[in-house]
């Protein structure tokens, strides 16, 4: 969907399970796992038998096996069970979403939808593994592997199942796209590419294009989605996105855009839209009284709502768009307690300051001062 090369395309397909239900190449959940924890039977383990089944003769067993669903004979993947349990218990995983309404009810609704849409289930498990990689650094390699493999499978299933958006699939498609977007943003903000700003911009443009696809899906399916259980969340989100900004935190970047002699009027309008959404993010983050929903939601939405012209300006590394990105880095810094963000704001601002040089210090003064103040207080 984003034009990236698939790192799994060149790998051999997974081996079939042996009679014991264990793949000899299956990755372990963590380096410290022992055989009993991974569900692998040891040579000394005695097989368990049910008394009722031991009384059946072979013909009866054969008859039962021929009538039941073959999938019932498949072994339970304990890694996937761990990911599913984590999904249902840890609500902080989706702390950049709108967060309107009752979390357990809305989330279980999404899991229920995934039963008819395997691509959604695989992406849910992938994002759960991505969160566990953050929570357990000592086992992050194993969880990152699971996250990447499950996400690759999710996208493959989604592409194979894709038809047109209709009443039956609009909800799982939107949920899948949104969770994939959250996953992609977390990966992008975690990048510490040796290529500096150039490397980060490459990853971030892919993230922007991915999120633009989510927005396009939502627009296409909007009338159908308004008849679904997501209506409350989507209506609130739409009202939030369209309200006028109140603060003046982005005033200096507005002055930069309005005074530019090299930007076209189309580009200036794209900047103004991006600045408006960014100011909405500052309004909520810095509000004295927290509003319903998630105060950090614009961290995710800003990438999603950015106008199409934004990508071209970003790819060209126009100084004006880098200054705008520095203000987004400040918004990220306000949400540094979120697991997807951490020190990403400080890191991105540092890349921009080094790239632009002293000639742009005046335009970068506000985000630099605000972040420096917080860093000093933390020390």
Protein backbone atom coordinates (compact mmCIF):
# COMPACT_ATOMS: atom_id res chain seq x y z
CA UNK A 1 0.00 0.00 0.00
CA UNK A 2 2.94 2.33 0.64
CA UNK A 3 5.27 1.08 -2.08
CA UNK A 4 7.76 -0.55 0.31
CA UNK A 5 9.63 -3.74 -0.53
CA UNK A 6 8.40 -6.71 1.49
CA UNK A 7 11.20 -8.10 3.64
CA UNK A 8 9.44 -11.46 3.81
CA UNK A 9 9.02 -11.94 0.05
CA UNK A 10 12.39 -13.68 -0.33
CA UNK A 11 11.96 -15.99 2.63
CA UNK A 12 10.91 -19.60 2.29
CA UNK A 13 7.27 -20.31 3.17
CA UNK A 14 6.73 -21.60 6.71
CA UNK A 15 7.02 -25.34 7.11
CA UNK A 16 3.96 -27.40 7.78
CA UNK A 17 3.35 -28.45 11.33
CA UNK A 18 4.60 -31.86 12.33
CA UNK A 19 2.44 -34.52 13.89
CA UNK A 20 3.14 -33.01 17.29
CA UNK A 21 1.71 -29.69 16.12
CA UNK A 22 5.08 -27.88 16.33
CA UNK A 23 6.92 -26.24 13.45
CA UNK A 24 10.67 -26.87 13.75
CA UNK A 25 11.37 -23.27 12.62
CA UNK A 26 8.68 -21.53 14.65
CA UNK A 27 10.20 -18.52 16.48
CA UNK A 28 10.09 -18.72 20.22
CA UNK A 29 8.15 -16.08 22.16
CA UNK A 30 11.21 -14.93 24.02
CA UNK A 31 14.79 -16.10 24.58
CA UNK A 32 13.94 -17.21 28.11
CA UNK A 33 11.04 -19.45 27.11
CA UNK A 34 11.32 -23.07 28.23
CA UNK A 35 9.64 -26.08 26.57
CA UNK A 36 6.77 -26.18 29.02
CA UNK A 37 6.04 -22.48 28.48
CA UNK A 38 6.08 -22.76 24.70
CA UNK A 39 3.64 -25.63 24.62
CA UNK A 40 6.19 -28.13 23.19
CA UNK A 41 5.94 -31.58 24.73
CA UNK A 42 9.18 -32.90 26.23
CA UNK A 43 10.27 -36.52 25.66
CA UNK A 44 9.36 -37.41 29.26
CA UNK A 45 5.89 -35.86 29.11
CA UNK A 46 3.11 -38.42 29.35
CA UNK A 47 0.24 -37.95 26.86
CA UNK A 48 -3.10 -36.90 28.36
CA UNK A 49 -6.12 -38.99 27.44
CA UNK A 50 -9.78 -38.34 28.09
CA UNK A 51 -11.54 -41.33 29.72
CA UNK A 52 -14.58 -40.96 27.47
CA UNK A 53 -12.50 -41.09 24.28
CA UNK A 54 -10.45 -44.07 25.49
CA UNK A 55 -13.63 -46.18 25.48
CA UNK A 56 -14.36 -45.55 21.79
CA UNK A 57 -13.20 -48.07 19.25
CA UNK A 58 -11.26 -47.02 16.13
CA UNK A 59 -14.32 -47.02 13.87
CA UNK A 60 -16.12 -44.55 16.13
CA UNK A 61 -13.07 -42.25 16.23
CA UNK A 62 -12.76 -42.36 12.46
CA UNK A 63 -16.43 -41.44 12.09
CA UNK A 64 -16.07 -38.46 14.43
CA UNK A 65 -12.94 -37.21 12.68
CA UNK A 66 -14.59 -37.36 9.27
CA UNK A 67 -17.54 -35.25 10.41
CA UNK A 68 -15.85 -32.49 12.39
CA UNK A 69 -14.32 -29.30 11.01
CA UNK A 70 -10.67 -30.04 10.07
CA UNK A 71 -9.62 -26.70 11.57
CA UNK A 72 -10.53 -28.05 15.02
CA UNK A 73 -7.53 -30.37 14.80
CA UNK A 74 -5.09 -27.45 14.42
CA UNK A 75 -2.91 -26.72 17.48
CA UNK A 76 -3.44 -23.55 19.50
CA UNK A 77 -0.70 -20.99 18.87
CA UNK A 78 0.21 -19.75 22.33
CA UNK A 79 1.99 -16.71 20.91
CA UNK A 80 -1.24 -15.59 19.25
CA UNK A 81 -3.18 -16.28 22.44
CA UNK A 82 -0.77 -14.03 24.33
CA UNK A 83 -1.31 -11.26 21.77
CA UNK A 84 -5.09 -11.62 21.91
CA UNK A 85 -5.16 -11.52 25.71
CA UNK A 86 -2.99 -8.42 25.65
CA UNK A 87 -5.40 -6.82 23.17
CA UNK A 88 -8.35 -7.27 25.48
CA UNK A 89 -6.63 -6.13 28.68
CA UNK A 90 -4.41 -3.17 27.75
CA UNK A 91 -6.37 -0.12 26.58
CA UNK A 92 -3.23 2.07 26.41
CA UNK A 93 -2.37 0.39 23.13
CA UNK A 94 -4.77 2.73 21.29
CA UNK A 95 -4.06 5.87 23.30
CA UNK A 96 -3.73 8.05 20.17
CA UNK A 97 -7.23 7.24 18.93
CA UNK A 98 -10.40 9.28 19.50
CA UNK A 99 -11.25 7.27 22.62
CA UNK A 100 -14.93 8.24 22.73
CA UNK A 101 -17.32 6.02 24.62
CA UNK A 102 -16.82 2.82 26.53
CA UNK A 103 -13.47 1.22 25.63
CA UNK A 104 -14.32 -2.44 26.34
CA UNK A 105 -17.59 -2.27 24.41
CA UNK A 106 -16.16 -0.52 21.34
CA UNK A 107 -13.03 -2.65 21.27
CA UNK A 108 -14.84 -5.98 21.61
CA UNK A 109 -17.03 -4.81 18.74
CA UNK A 110 -13.88 -4.53 16.64
CA UNK A 111 -12.71 -8.01 17.63
CA UNK A 112 -16.12 -9.42 16.75
CA UNK A 113 -15.88 -7.84 13.29
CA UNK A 114 -12.44 -9.40 12.82
CA UNK A 115 -13.92 -12.91 12.97
CA UNK A 116 -15.46 -12.33 9.53
CA UNK A 117 -12.44 -10.36 8.27
CA UNK A 118 -9.20 -12.24 8.96
CA UNK A 119 -7.07 -9.34 7.70
CA UNK A 120 -8.40 -7.23 10.59
CA UNK A 121 -7.65 -9.98 13.12
CA UNK A 122 -4.09 -10.37 11.87
CA UNK A 123 -3.50 -6.60 12.05
CA UNK A 124 -4.89 -6.47 15.59
CA UNK A 125 -2.46 -9.20 16.60
CA UNK A 126 0.38 -7.42 14.79
CA UNK A 127 -0.25 -4.17 16.66
CA UNK A 128 -0.47 -6.07 19.94
CA UNK A 129 2.96 -7.57 19.25
CA UNK A 130 4.30 -4.10 18.38
CA UNK A 131 3.08 -2.78 21.75
CA UNK A 132 4.57 -5.73 23.63
CA UNK A 133 7.92 -5.03 21.92
CA UNK A 134 7.82 -1.62 23.59
CA UNK A 135 6.75 -2.98 26.98
CA UNK A 136 9.35 -5.78 27.05
CA UNK A 137 12.65 -4.53 25.55
CA UNK A 138 14.39 -7.73 26.60
CA UNK A 139 12.17 -9.68 24.18
CA UNK A 140 11.68 -6.93 21.60
CA UNK A 141 13.36 -8.85 18.76
CA UNK A 142 10.86 -11.70 19.04
CA UNK A 143 7.86 -9.37 19.29
CA UNK A 144 9.07 -7.19 16.41
CA UNK A 145 9.40 -10.31 14.27
CA UNK A 146 5.86 -11.36 15.12
CA UNK A 147 4.55 -7.84 14.44
CA UNK A 148 6.17 -7.69 11.01
CA UNK A 149 5.11 -11.21 10.01
CA UNK A 150 1.51 -10.73 11.15
CA UNK A 151 1.25 -7.33 9.49
CA UNK A 152 2.59 -8.75 6.21
CA UNK A 153 -0.03 -11.50 6.40
CA UNK A 154 -2.75 -8.96 7.19
CA UNK A 155 -1.95 -6.80 4.17
CA UNK A 156 -1.77 -9.88 1.92
CA UNK A 157 -5.21 -11.04 3.08
CA UNK A 158 -6.62 -7.54 2.70
CA UNK A 159 -5.37 -7.23 -0.87
CA UNK A 160 -6.75 -10.67 -1.74
CA UNK A 161 -10.18 -9.85 -0.24
CA UNK A 162 -10.44 -6.32 -1.65
CA UNK A 163 -13.52 -5.57 -3.73
CA UNK A 164 -15.52 -2.39 -3.25
CA UNK A 165 -16.52 -0.74 -0.01
CA UNK A 166 -20.09 -1.66 0.89
CA UNK A 167 -22.32 -1.99 3.94
CA UNK A 168 -20.98 -5.43 4.81
CA UNK A 169 -17.28 -4.55 4.82
CA UNK A 170 -17.02 -0.80 5.47
CA UNK A 171 -16.47 -1.16 9.23
CA UNK A 172 -13.74 -3.85 9.15
CA UNK A 173 -11.98 -2.03 6.27
CA UNK A 174 -11.92 1.24 8.20
CA UNK A 175 -10.80 -0.47 11.42
CA UNK A 176 -8.06 -2.34 9.57
CA UNK A 177 -6.81 0.79 7.81
CA UNK A 178 -6.83 2.83 11.01
CA UNK A 179 -4.97 0.25 13.10
CA UNK A 180 -2.48 -0.23 10.28
CA UNK A 181 -2.00 3.55 10.30
CA UNK A 182 -1.36 3.58 14.06
CA UNK A 183 1.14 0.76 13.63
CA UNK A 184 2.90 2.55 10.78
CA UNK A 185 3.12 5.82 12.73
CA UNK A 186 4.66 4.02 15.73
CA UNK A 187 7.28 2.44 13.46
CA UNK A 188 8.01 5.76 11.72
CA UNK A 189 8.49 7.71 14.96
CA UNK A 190 10.79 4.96 16.28
CA UNK A 191 13.12 5.25 13.26
CA UNK A 192 16.64 6.41 14.04
CA UNK A 193 17.97 6.23 10.51
CA UNK A 194 21.71 6.86 10.00
CA UNK A 195 20.71 8.91 6.97
CA UNK A 196 19.61 11.74 9.26
CA UNK A 197 16.84 13.99 8.01
CA UNK A 198 16.86 12.42 4.55
CA UNK A 199 16.16 8.98 5.98
CA UNK A 200 13.44 10.22 8.31
CA UNK A 201 11.68 12.17 5.53
CA UNK A 202 11.58 9.02 3.39
CA UNK A 203 9.88 7.05 6.15
CA UNK A 204 7.57 9.91 7.06
CA UNK A 205 6.36 10.43 3.48
CA UNK A 206 5.41 6.75 3.35
CA UNK A 207 3.50 7.25 6.59
CA UNK A 208 1.69 10.31 5.20
CA UNK A 209 0.69 8.44 2.04
CA UNK A 210 -0.56 5.49 4.07
CA UNK A 211 -2.68 7.78 6.24
CA UNK A 212 -4.06 9.60 3.22
CA UNK A 213 -5.37 6.24 2.02
CA UNK A 214 -7.17 5.81 5.35
CA UNK A 215 -8.79 9.22 4.92
CA UNK A 216 -9.86 8.35 1.36
CA UNK A 217 -11.50 5.14 2.57
CA UNK A 218 -13.37 7.01 5.29
CA UNK A 219 -14.63 9.61 2.81
CA UNK A 220 -15.78 6.96 0.33
CA UNK A 221 -17.62 4.92 2.96
CA UNK A 222 -18.91 7.84 5.04
CA UNK A 223 -22.68 7.37 4.39
CA UNK A 224 -22.35 3.66 5.16
CA UNK A 225 -20.28 4.25 8.27
CA UNK A 226 -22.90 6.68 9.59
CA UNK A 227 -25.29 3.73 9.76
CA UNK A 228 -22.87 1.59 11.77
CA UNK A 229 -21.91 1.39 15.42
CA UNK A 230 -18.99 3.72 14.66
CA UNK A 231 -21.36 6.63 14.04
CA UNK A 232 -20.84 8.23 17.47
CA UNK A 233 -17.05 8.21 17.25
CA UNK A 234 -16.94 9.39 13.64
CA UNK A 235 -19.46 12.19 14.18
CA UNK A 236 -17.52 13.51 17.15
CA UNK A 237 -14.24 13.24 15.23
CA UNK A 238 -15.66 15.13 12.25
CA UNK A 239 -16.97 17.91 14.48
CA UNK A 240 -13.57 18.20 16.16
CA UNK A 241 -11.68 18.42 12.85
CA UNK A 242 -13.89 21.22 11.47
CA UNK A 243 -14.05 23.56 14.45
CA UNK A 244 -12.05 26.81 14.29
CA UNK A 245 -8.69 26.96 16.09
CA UNK A 246 -8.39 29.23 19.11
CA UNK A 247 -4.73 29.65 20.06
CA UNK A 248 -1.82 31.52 18.51
CA UNK A 249 0.94 28.97 18.99
CA UNK A 250 1.45 28.72 15.21
CA UNK A 251 1.40 32.47 14.54
CA UNK A 252 5.05 32.71 13.51
CA UNK A 253 4.81 29.89 10.98
CA UNK A 254 1.71 31.60 9.55
CA UNK A 255 3.75 34.78 9.09
CA UNK A 256 6.46 32.81 7.31
CA UNK A 257 3.99 31.30 4.84
CA UNK A 258 2.09 34.53 4.18
CA UNK A 259 5.29 36.48 3.52
CA UNK A 260 6.86 33.91 1.18
CA UNK A 261 7.55 35.04 -2.41
CA UNK A 262 8.48 31.58 -3.66
CA UNK A 263 5.43 29.55 -2.64
CA UNK A 264 2.47 29.35 -5.01
CA UNK A 265 -0.98 30.27 -3.75
CA UNK A 266 -1.95 26.58 -3.93
CA UNK A 267 1.00 25.66 -1.74
CA UNK A 268 0.19 28.45 0.69
CA UNK A 269 -3.38 27.20 1.04
CA UNK A 270 -2.08 23.67 1.73
CA UNK A 271 0.17 25.14 4.44
CA UNK A 272 -2.74 27.04 5.99
CA UNK A 273 -4.84 23.88 6.22
CA UNK A 274 -1.98 21.96 7.84
CA UNK A 275 -1.37 24.85 10.28
CA UNK A 276 -5.06 24.95 11.20
CA UNK A 277 -5.09 21.27 12.15
CA UNK A 278 -1.83 21.68 14.03
CA UNK A 279 -3.26 24.57 16.04
CA UNK A 280 -6.27 22.43 16.93
CA UNK A 281 -3.80 19.93 18.35
CA UNK A 282 -2.13 22.59 20.51
CA UNK A 283 -5.53 23.89 21.64
CA UNK A 284 -6.49 20.51 23.08
CA UNK A 285 -3.07 19.49 24.42
CA UNK A 286 -2.60 22.77 26.30
CA UNK A 287 -6.23 23.22 27.41
CA UNK A 288 -6.70 23.75 31.13
CA UNK A 289 -9.65 21.35 31.15
CA UNK A 290 -9.37 18.06 29.30
CA UNK A 291 -12.09 17.47 26.72
CA UNK A 292 -13.89 14.19 26.04
CA UNK A 293 -11.88 11.88 23.86
CA UNK A 294 -8.11 11.88 23.59
CA UNK A 295 -6.18 15.12 23.97
CA UNK A 296 -3.31 13.73 21.84
CA UNK A 297 -5.42 12.53 18.94
CA UNK A 298 -4.14 15.21 16.52
CA UNK A 299 -0.71 13.61 16.70
CA UNK A 300 -2.23 10.79 14.65
CA UNK A 301 -4.78 12.83 12.73
CA UNK A 302 -2.42 15.54 11.52
CA UNK A 303 -0.56 13.08 9.31
CA UNK A 304 -3.90 11.76 8.08
CA UNK A 305 -5.45 15.17 7.32
CA UNK A 306 -2.40 16.76 5.67
CA UNK A 307 -3.28 18.06 2.15
CA UNK A 308 -1.86 16.15 -0.86
CA UNK A 309 0.47 19.04 -1.72
CA UNK A 310 2.18 18.51 1.64
CA UNK A 311 3.92 15.35 0.40
CA UNK A 312 5.59 17.07 -2.55
CA UNK A 313 6.79 19.96 -0.40
CA UNK A 314 8.14 17.50 2.14
CA UNK A 315 9.95 15.45 -0.50
CA UNK A 316 11.59 18.63 -1.80
CA UNK A 317 12.62 19.52 1.77
CA UNK A 318 11.40 23.08 1.37
CA UNK A 319 12.60 25.11 4.38
CA UNK A 320 9.04 26.29 5.07
CA UNK A 321 7.69 22.75 5.33
CA UNK A 322 10.58 21.76 7.61
CA UNK A 323 9.71 24.65 9.92
CA UNK A 324 6.12 23.39 9.93
CA UNK A 325 7.40 19.90 10.73
CA UNK A 326 9.34 21.41 13.65
CA UNK A 327 6.03 22.64 15.10
CA UNK A 328 4.64 19.13 14.69
CA UNK A 329 7.73 17.90 16.57
CA UNK A 330 6.68 20.19 19.41
CA UNK A 331 3.19 18.64 19.39
CA UNK A 332 4.87 15.23 19.52
CA UNK A 333 6.93 16.40 22.47
CA UNK A 334 3.76 17.31 24.37
CA UNK A 335 2.67 13.68 23.90
CA UNK A 336 6.03 12.19 24.88
CA UNK A 337 4.37 10.03 27.55
CA UNK A 338 2.61 8.05 24.82
CA UNK A 339 4.35 4.75 24.09
CA UNK A 340 4.45 5.44 20.32
CA UNK A 341 6.25 8.77 20.74
CA UNK A 342 8.82 8.99 23.53
CA UNK A 343 11.68 11.28 22.47
CA UNK A 344 10.60 11.50 18.80
CA UNK A 345 9.82 15.22 19.10
CA UNK A 346 13.30 16.07 20.40
CA UNK A 347 14.90 13.84 17.77
CA UNK A 348 13.00 15.31 14.79
CA UNK A 349 13.53 18.90 15.90
CA UNK A 350 17.26 18.23 16.22
CA UNK A 351 17.40 16.88 12.65
CA UNK A 352 15.61 19.98 11.32
CA UNK A 353 17.75 22.48 13.24
CA UNK A 354 20.96 20.85 12.00
CA UNK A 355 19.72 20.74 8.40
CA UNK A 356 18.44 24.32 8.14
CA UNK A 357 21.30 25.99 10.00
CA UNK A 358 21.44 29.31 11.90
CA UNK A 359 19.69 31.27 9.16
CA UNK A 360 16.34 29.81 10.23
CA UNK A 361 16.75 30.23 13.99
CA UNK A 362 14.13 32.99 14.17
CA UNK A 363 11.41 30.79 12.65
CA UNK A 364 12.35 27.82 14.82
CA UNK A 365 12.60 29.85 18.02
CA UNK A 366 9.23 28.88 19.55
CA UNK A 367 9.46 25.07 19.25
CA UNK A 368 13.12 25.14 20.30
CA UNK A 369 12.41 27.21 23.40
CA UNK A 370 9.45 25.10 24.48
CA UNK A 371 11.28 21.80 24.10
CA UNK A 372 14.47 23.13 25.69
CA UNK A 373 12.47 24.37 28.67
CA UNK A 374 10.93 20.93 29.25
CA UNK A 375 14.28 19.18 28.84
CA UNK A 376 15.91 21.50 31.41
CA UNK A 377 13.08 20.91 33.89
CA UNK A 378 13.42 17.16 33.44
CA UNK A 379 17.11 17.40 34.29
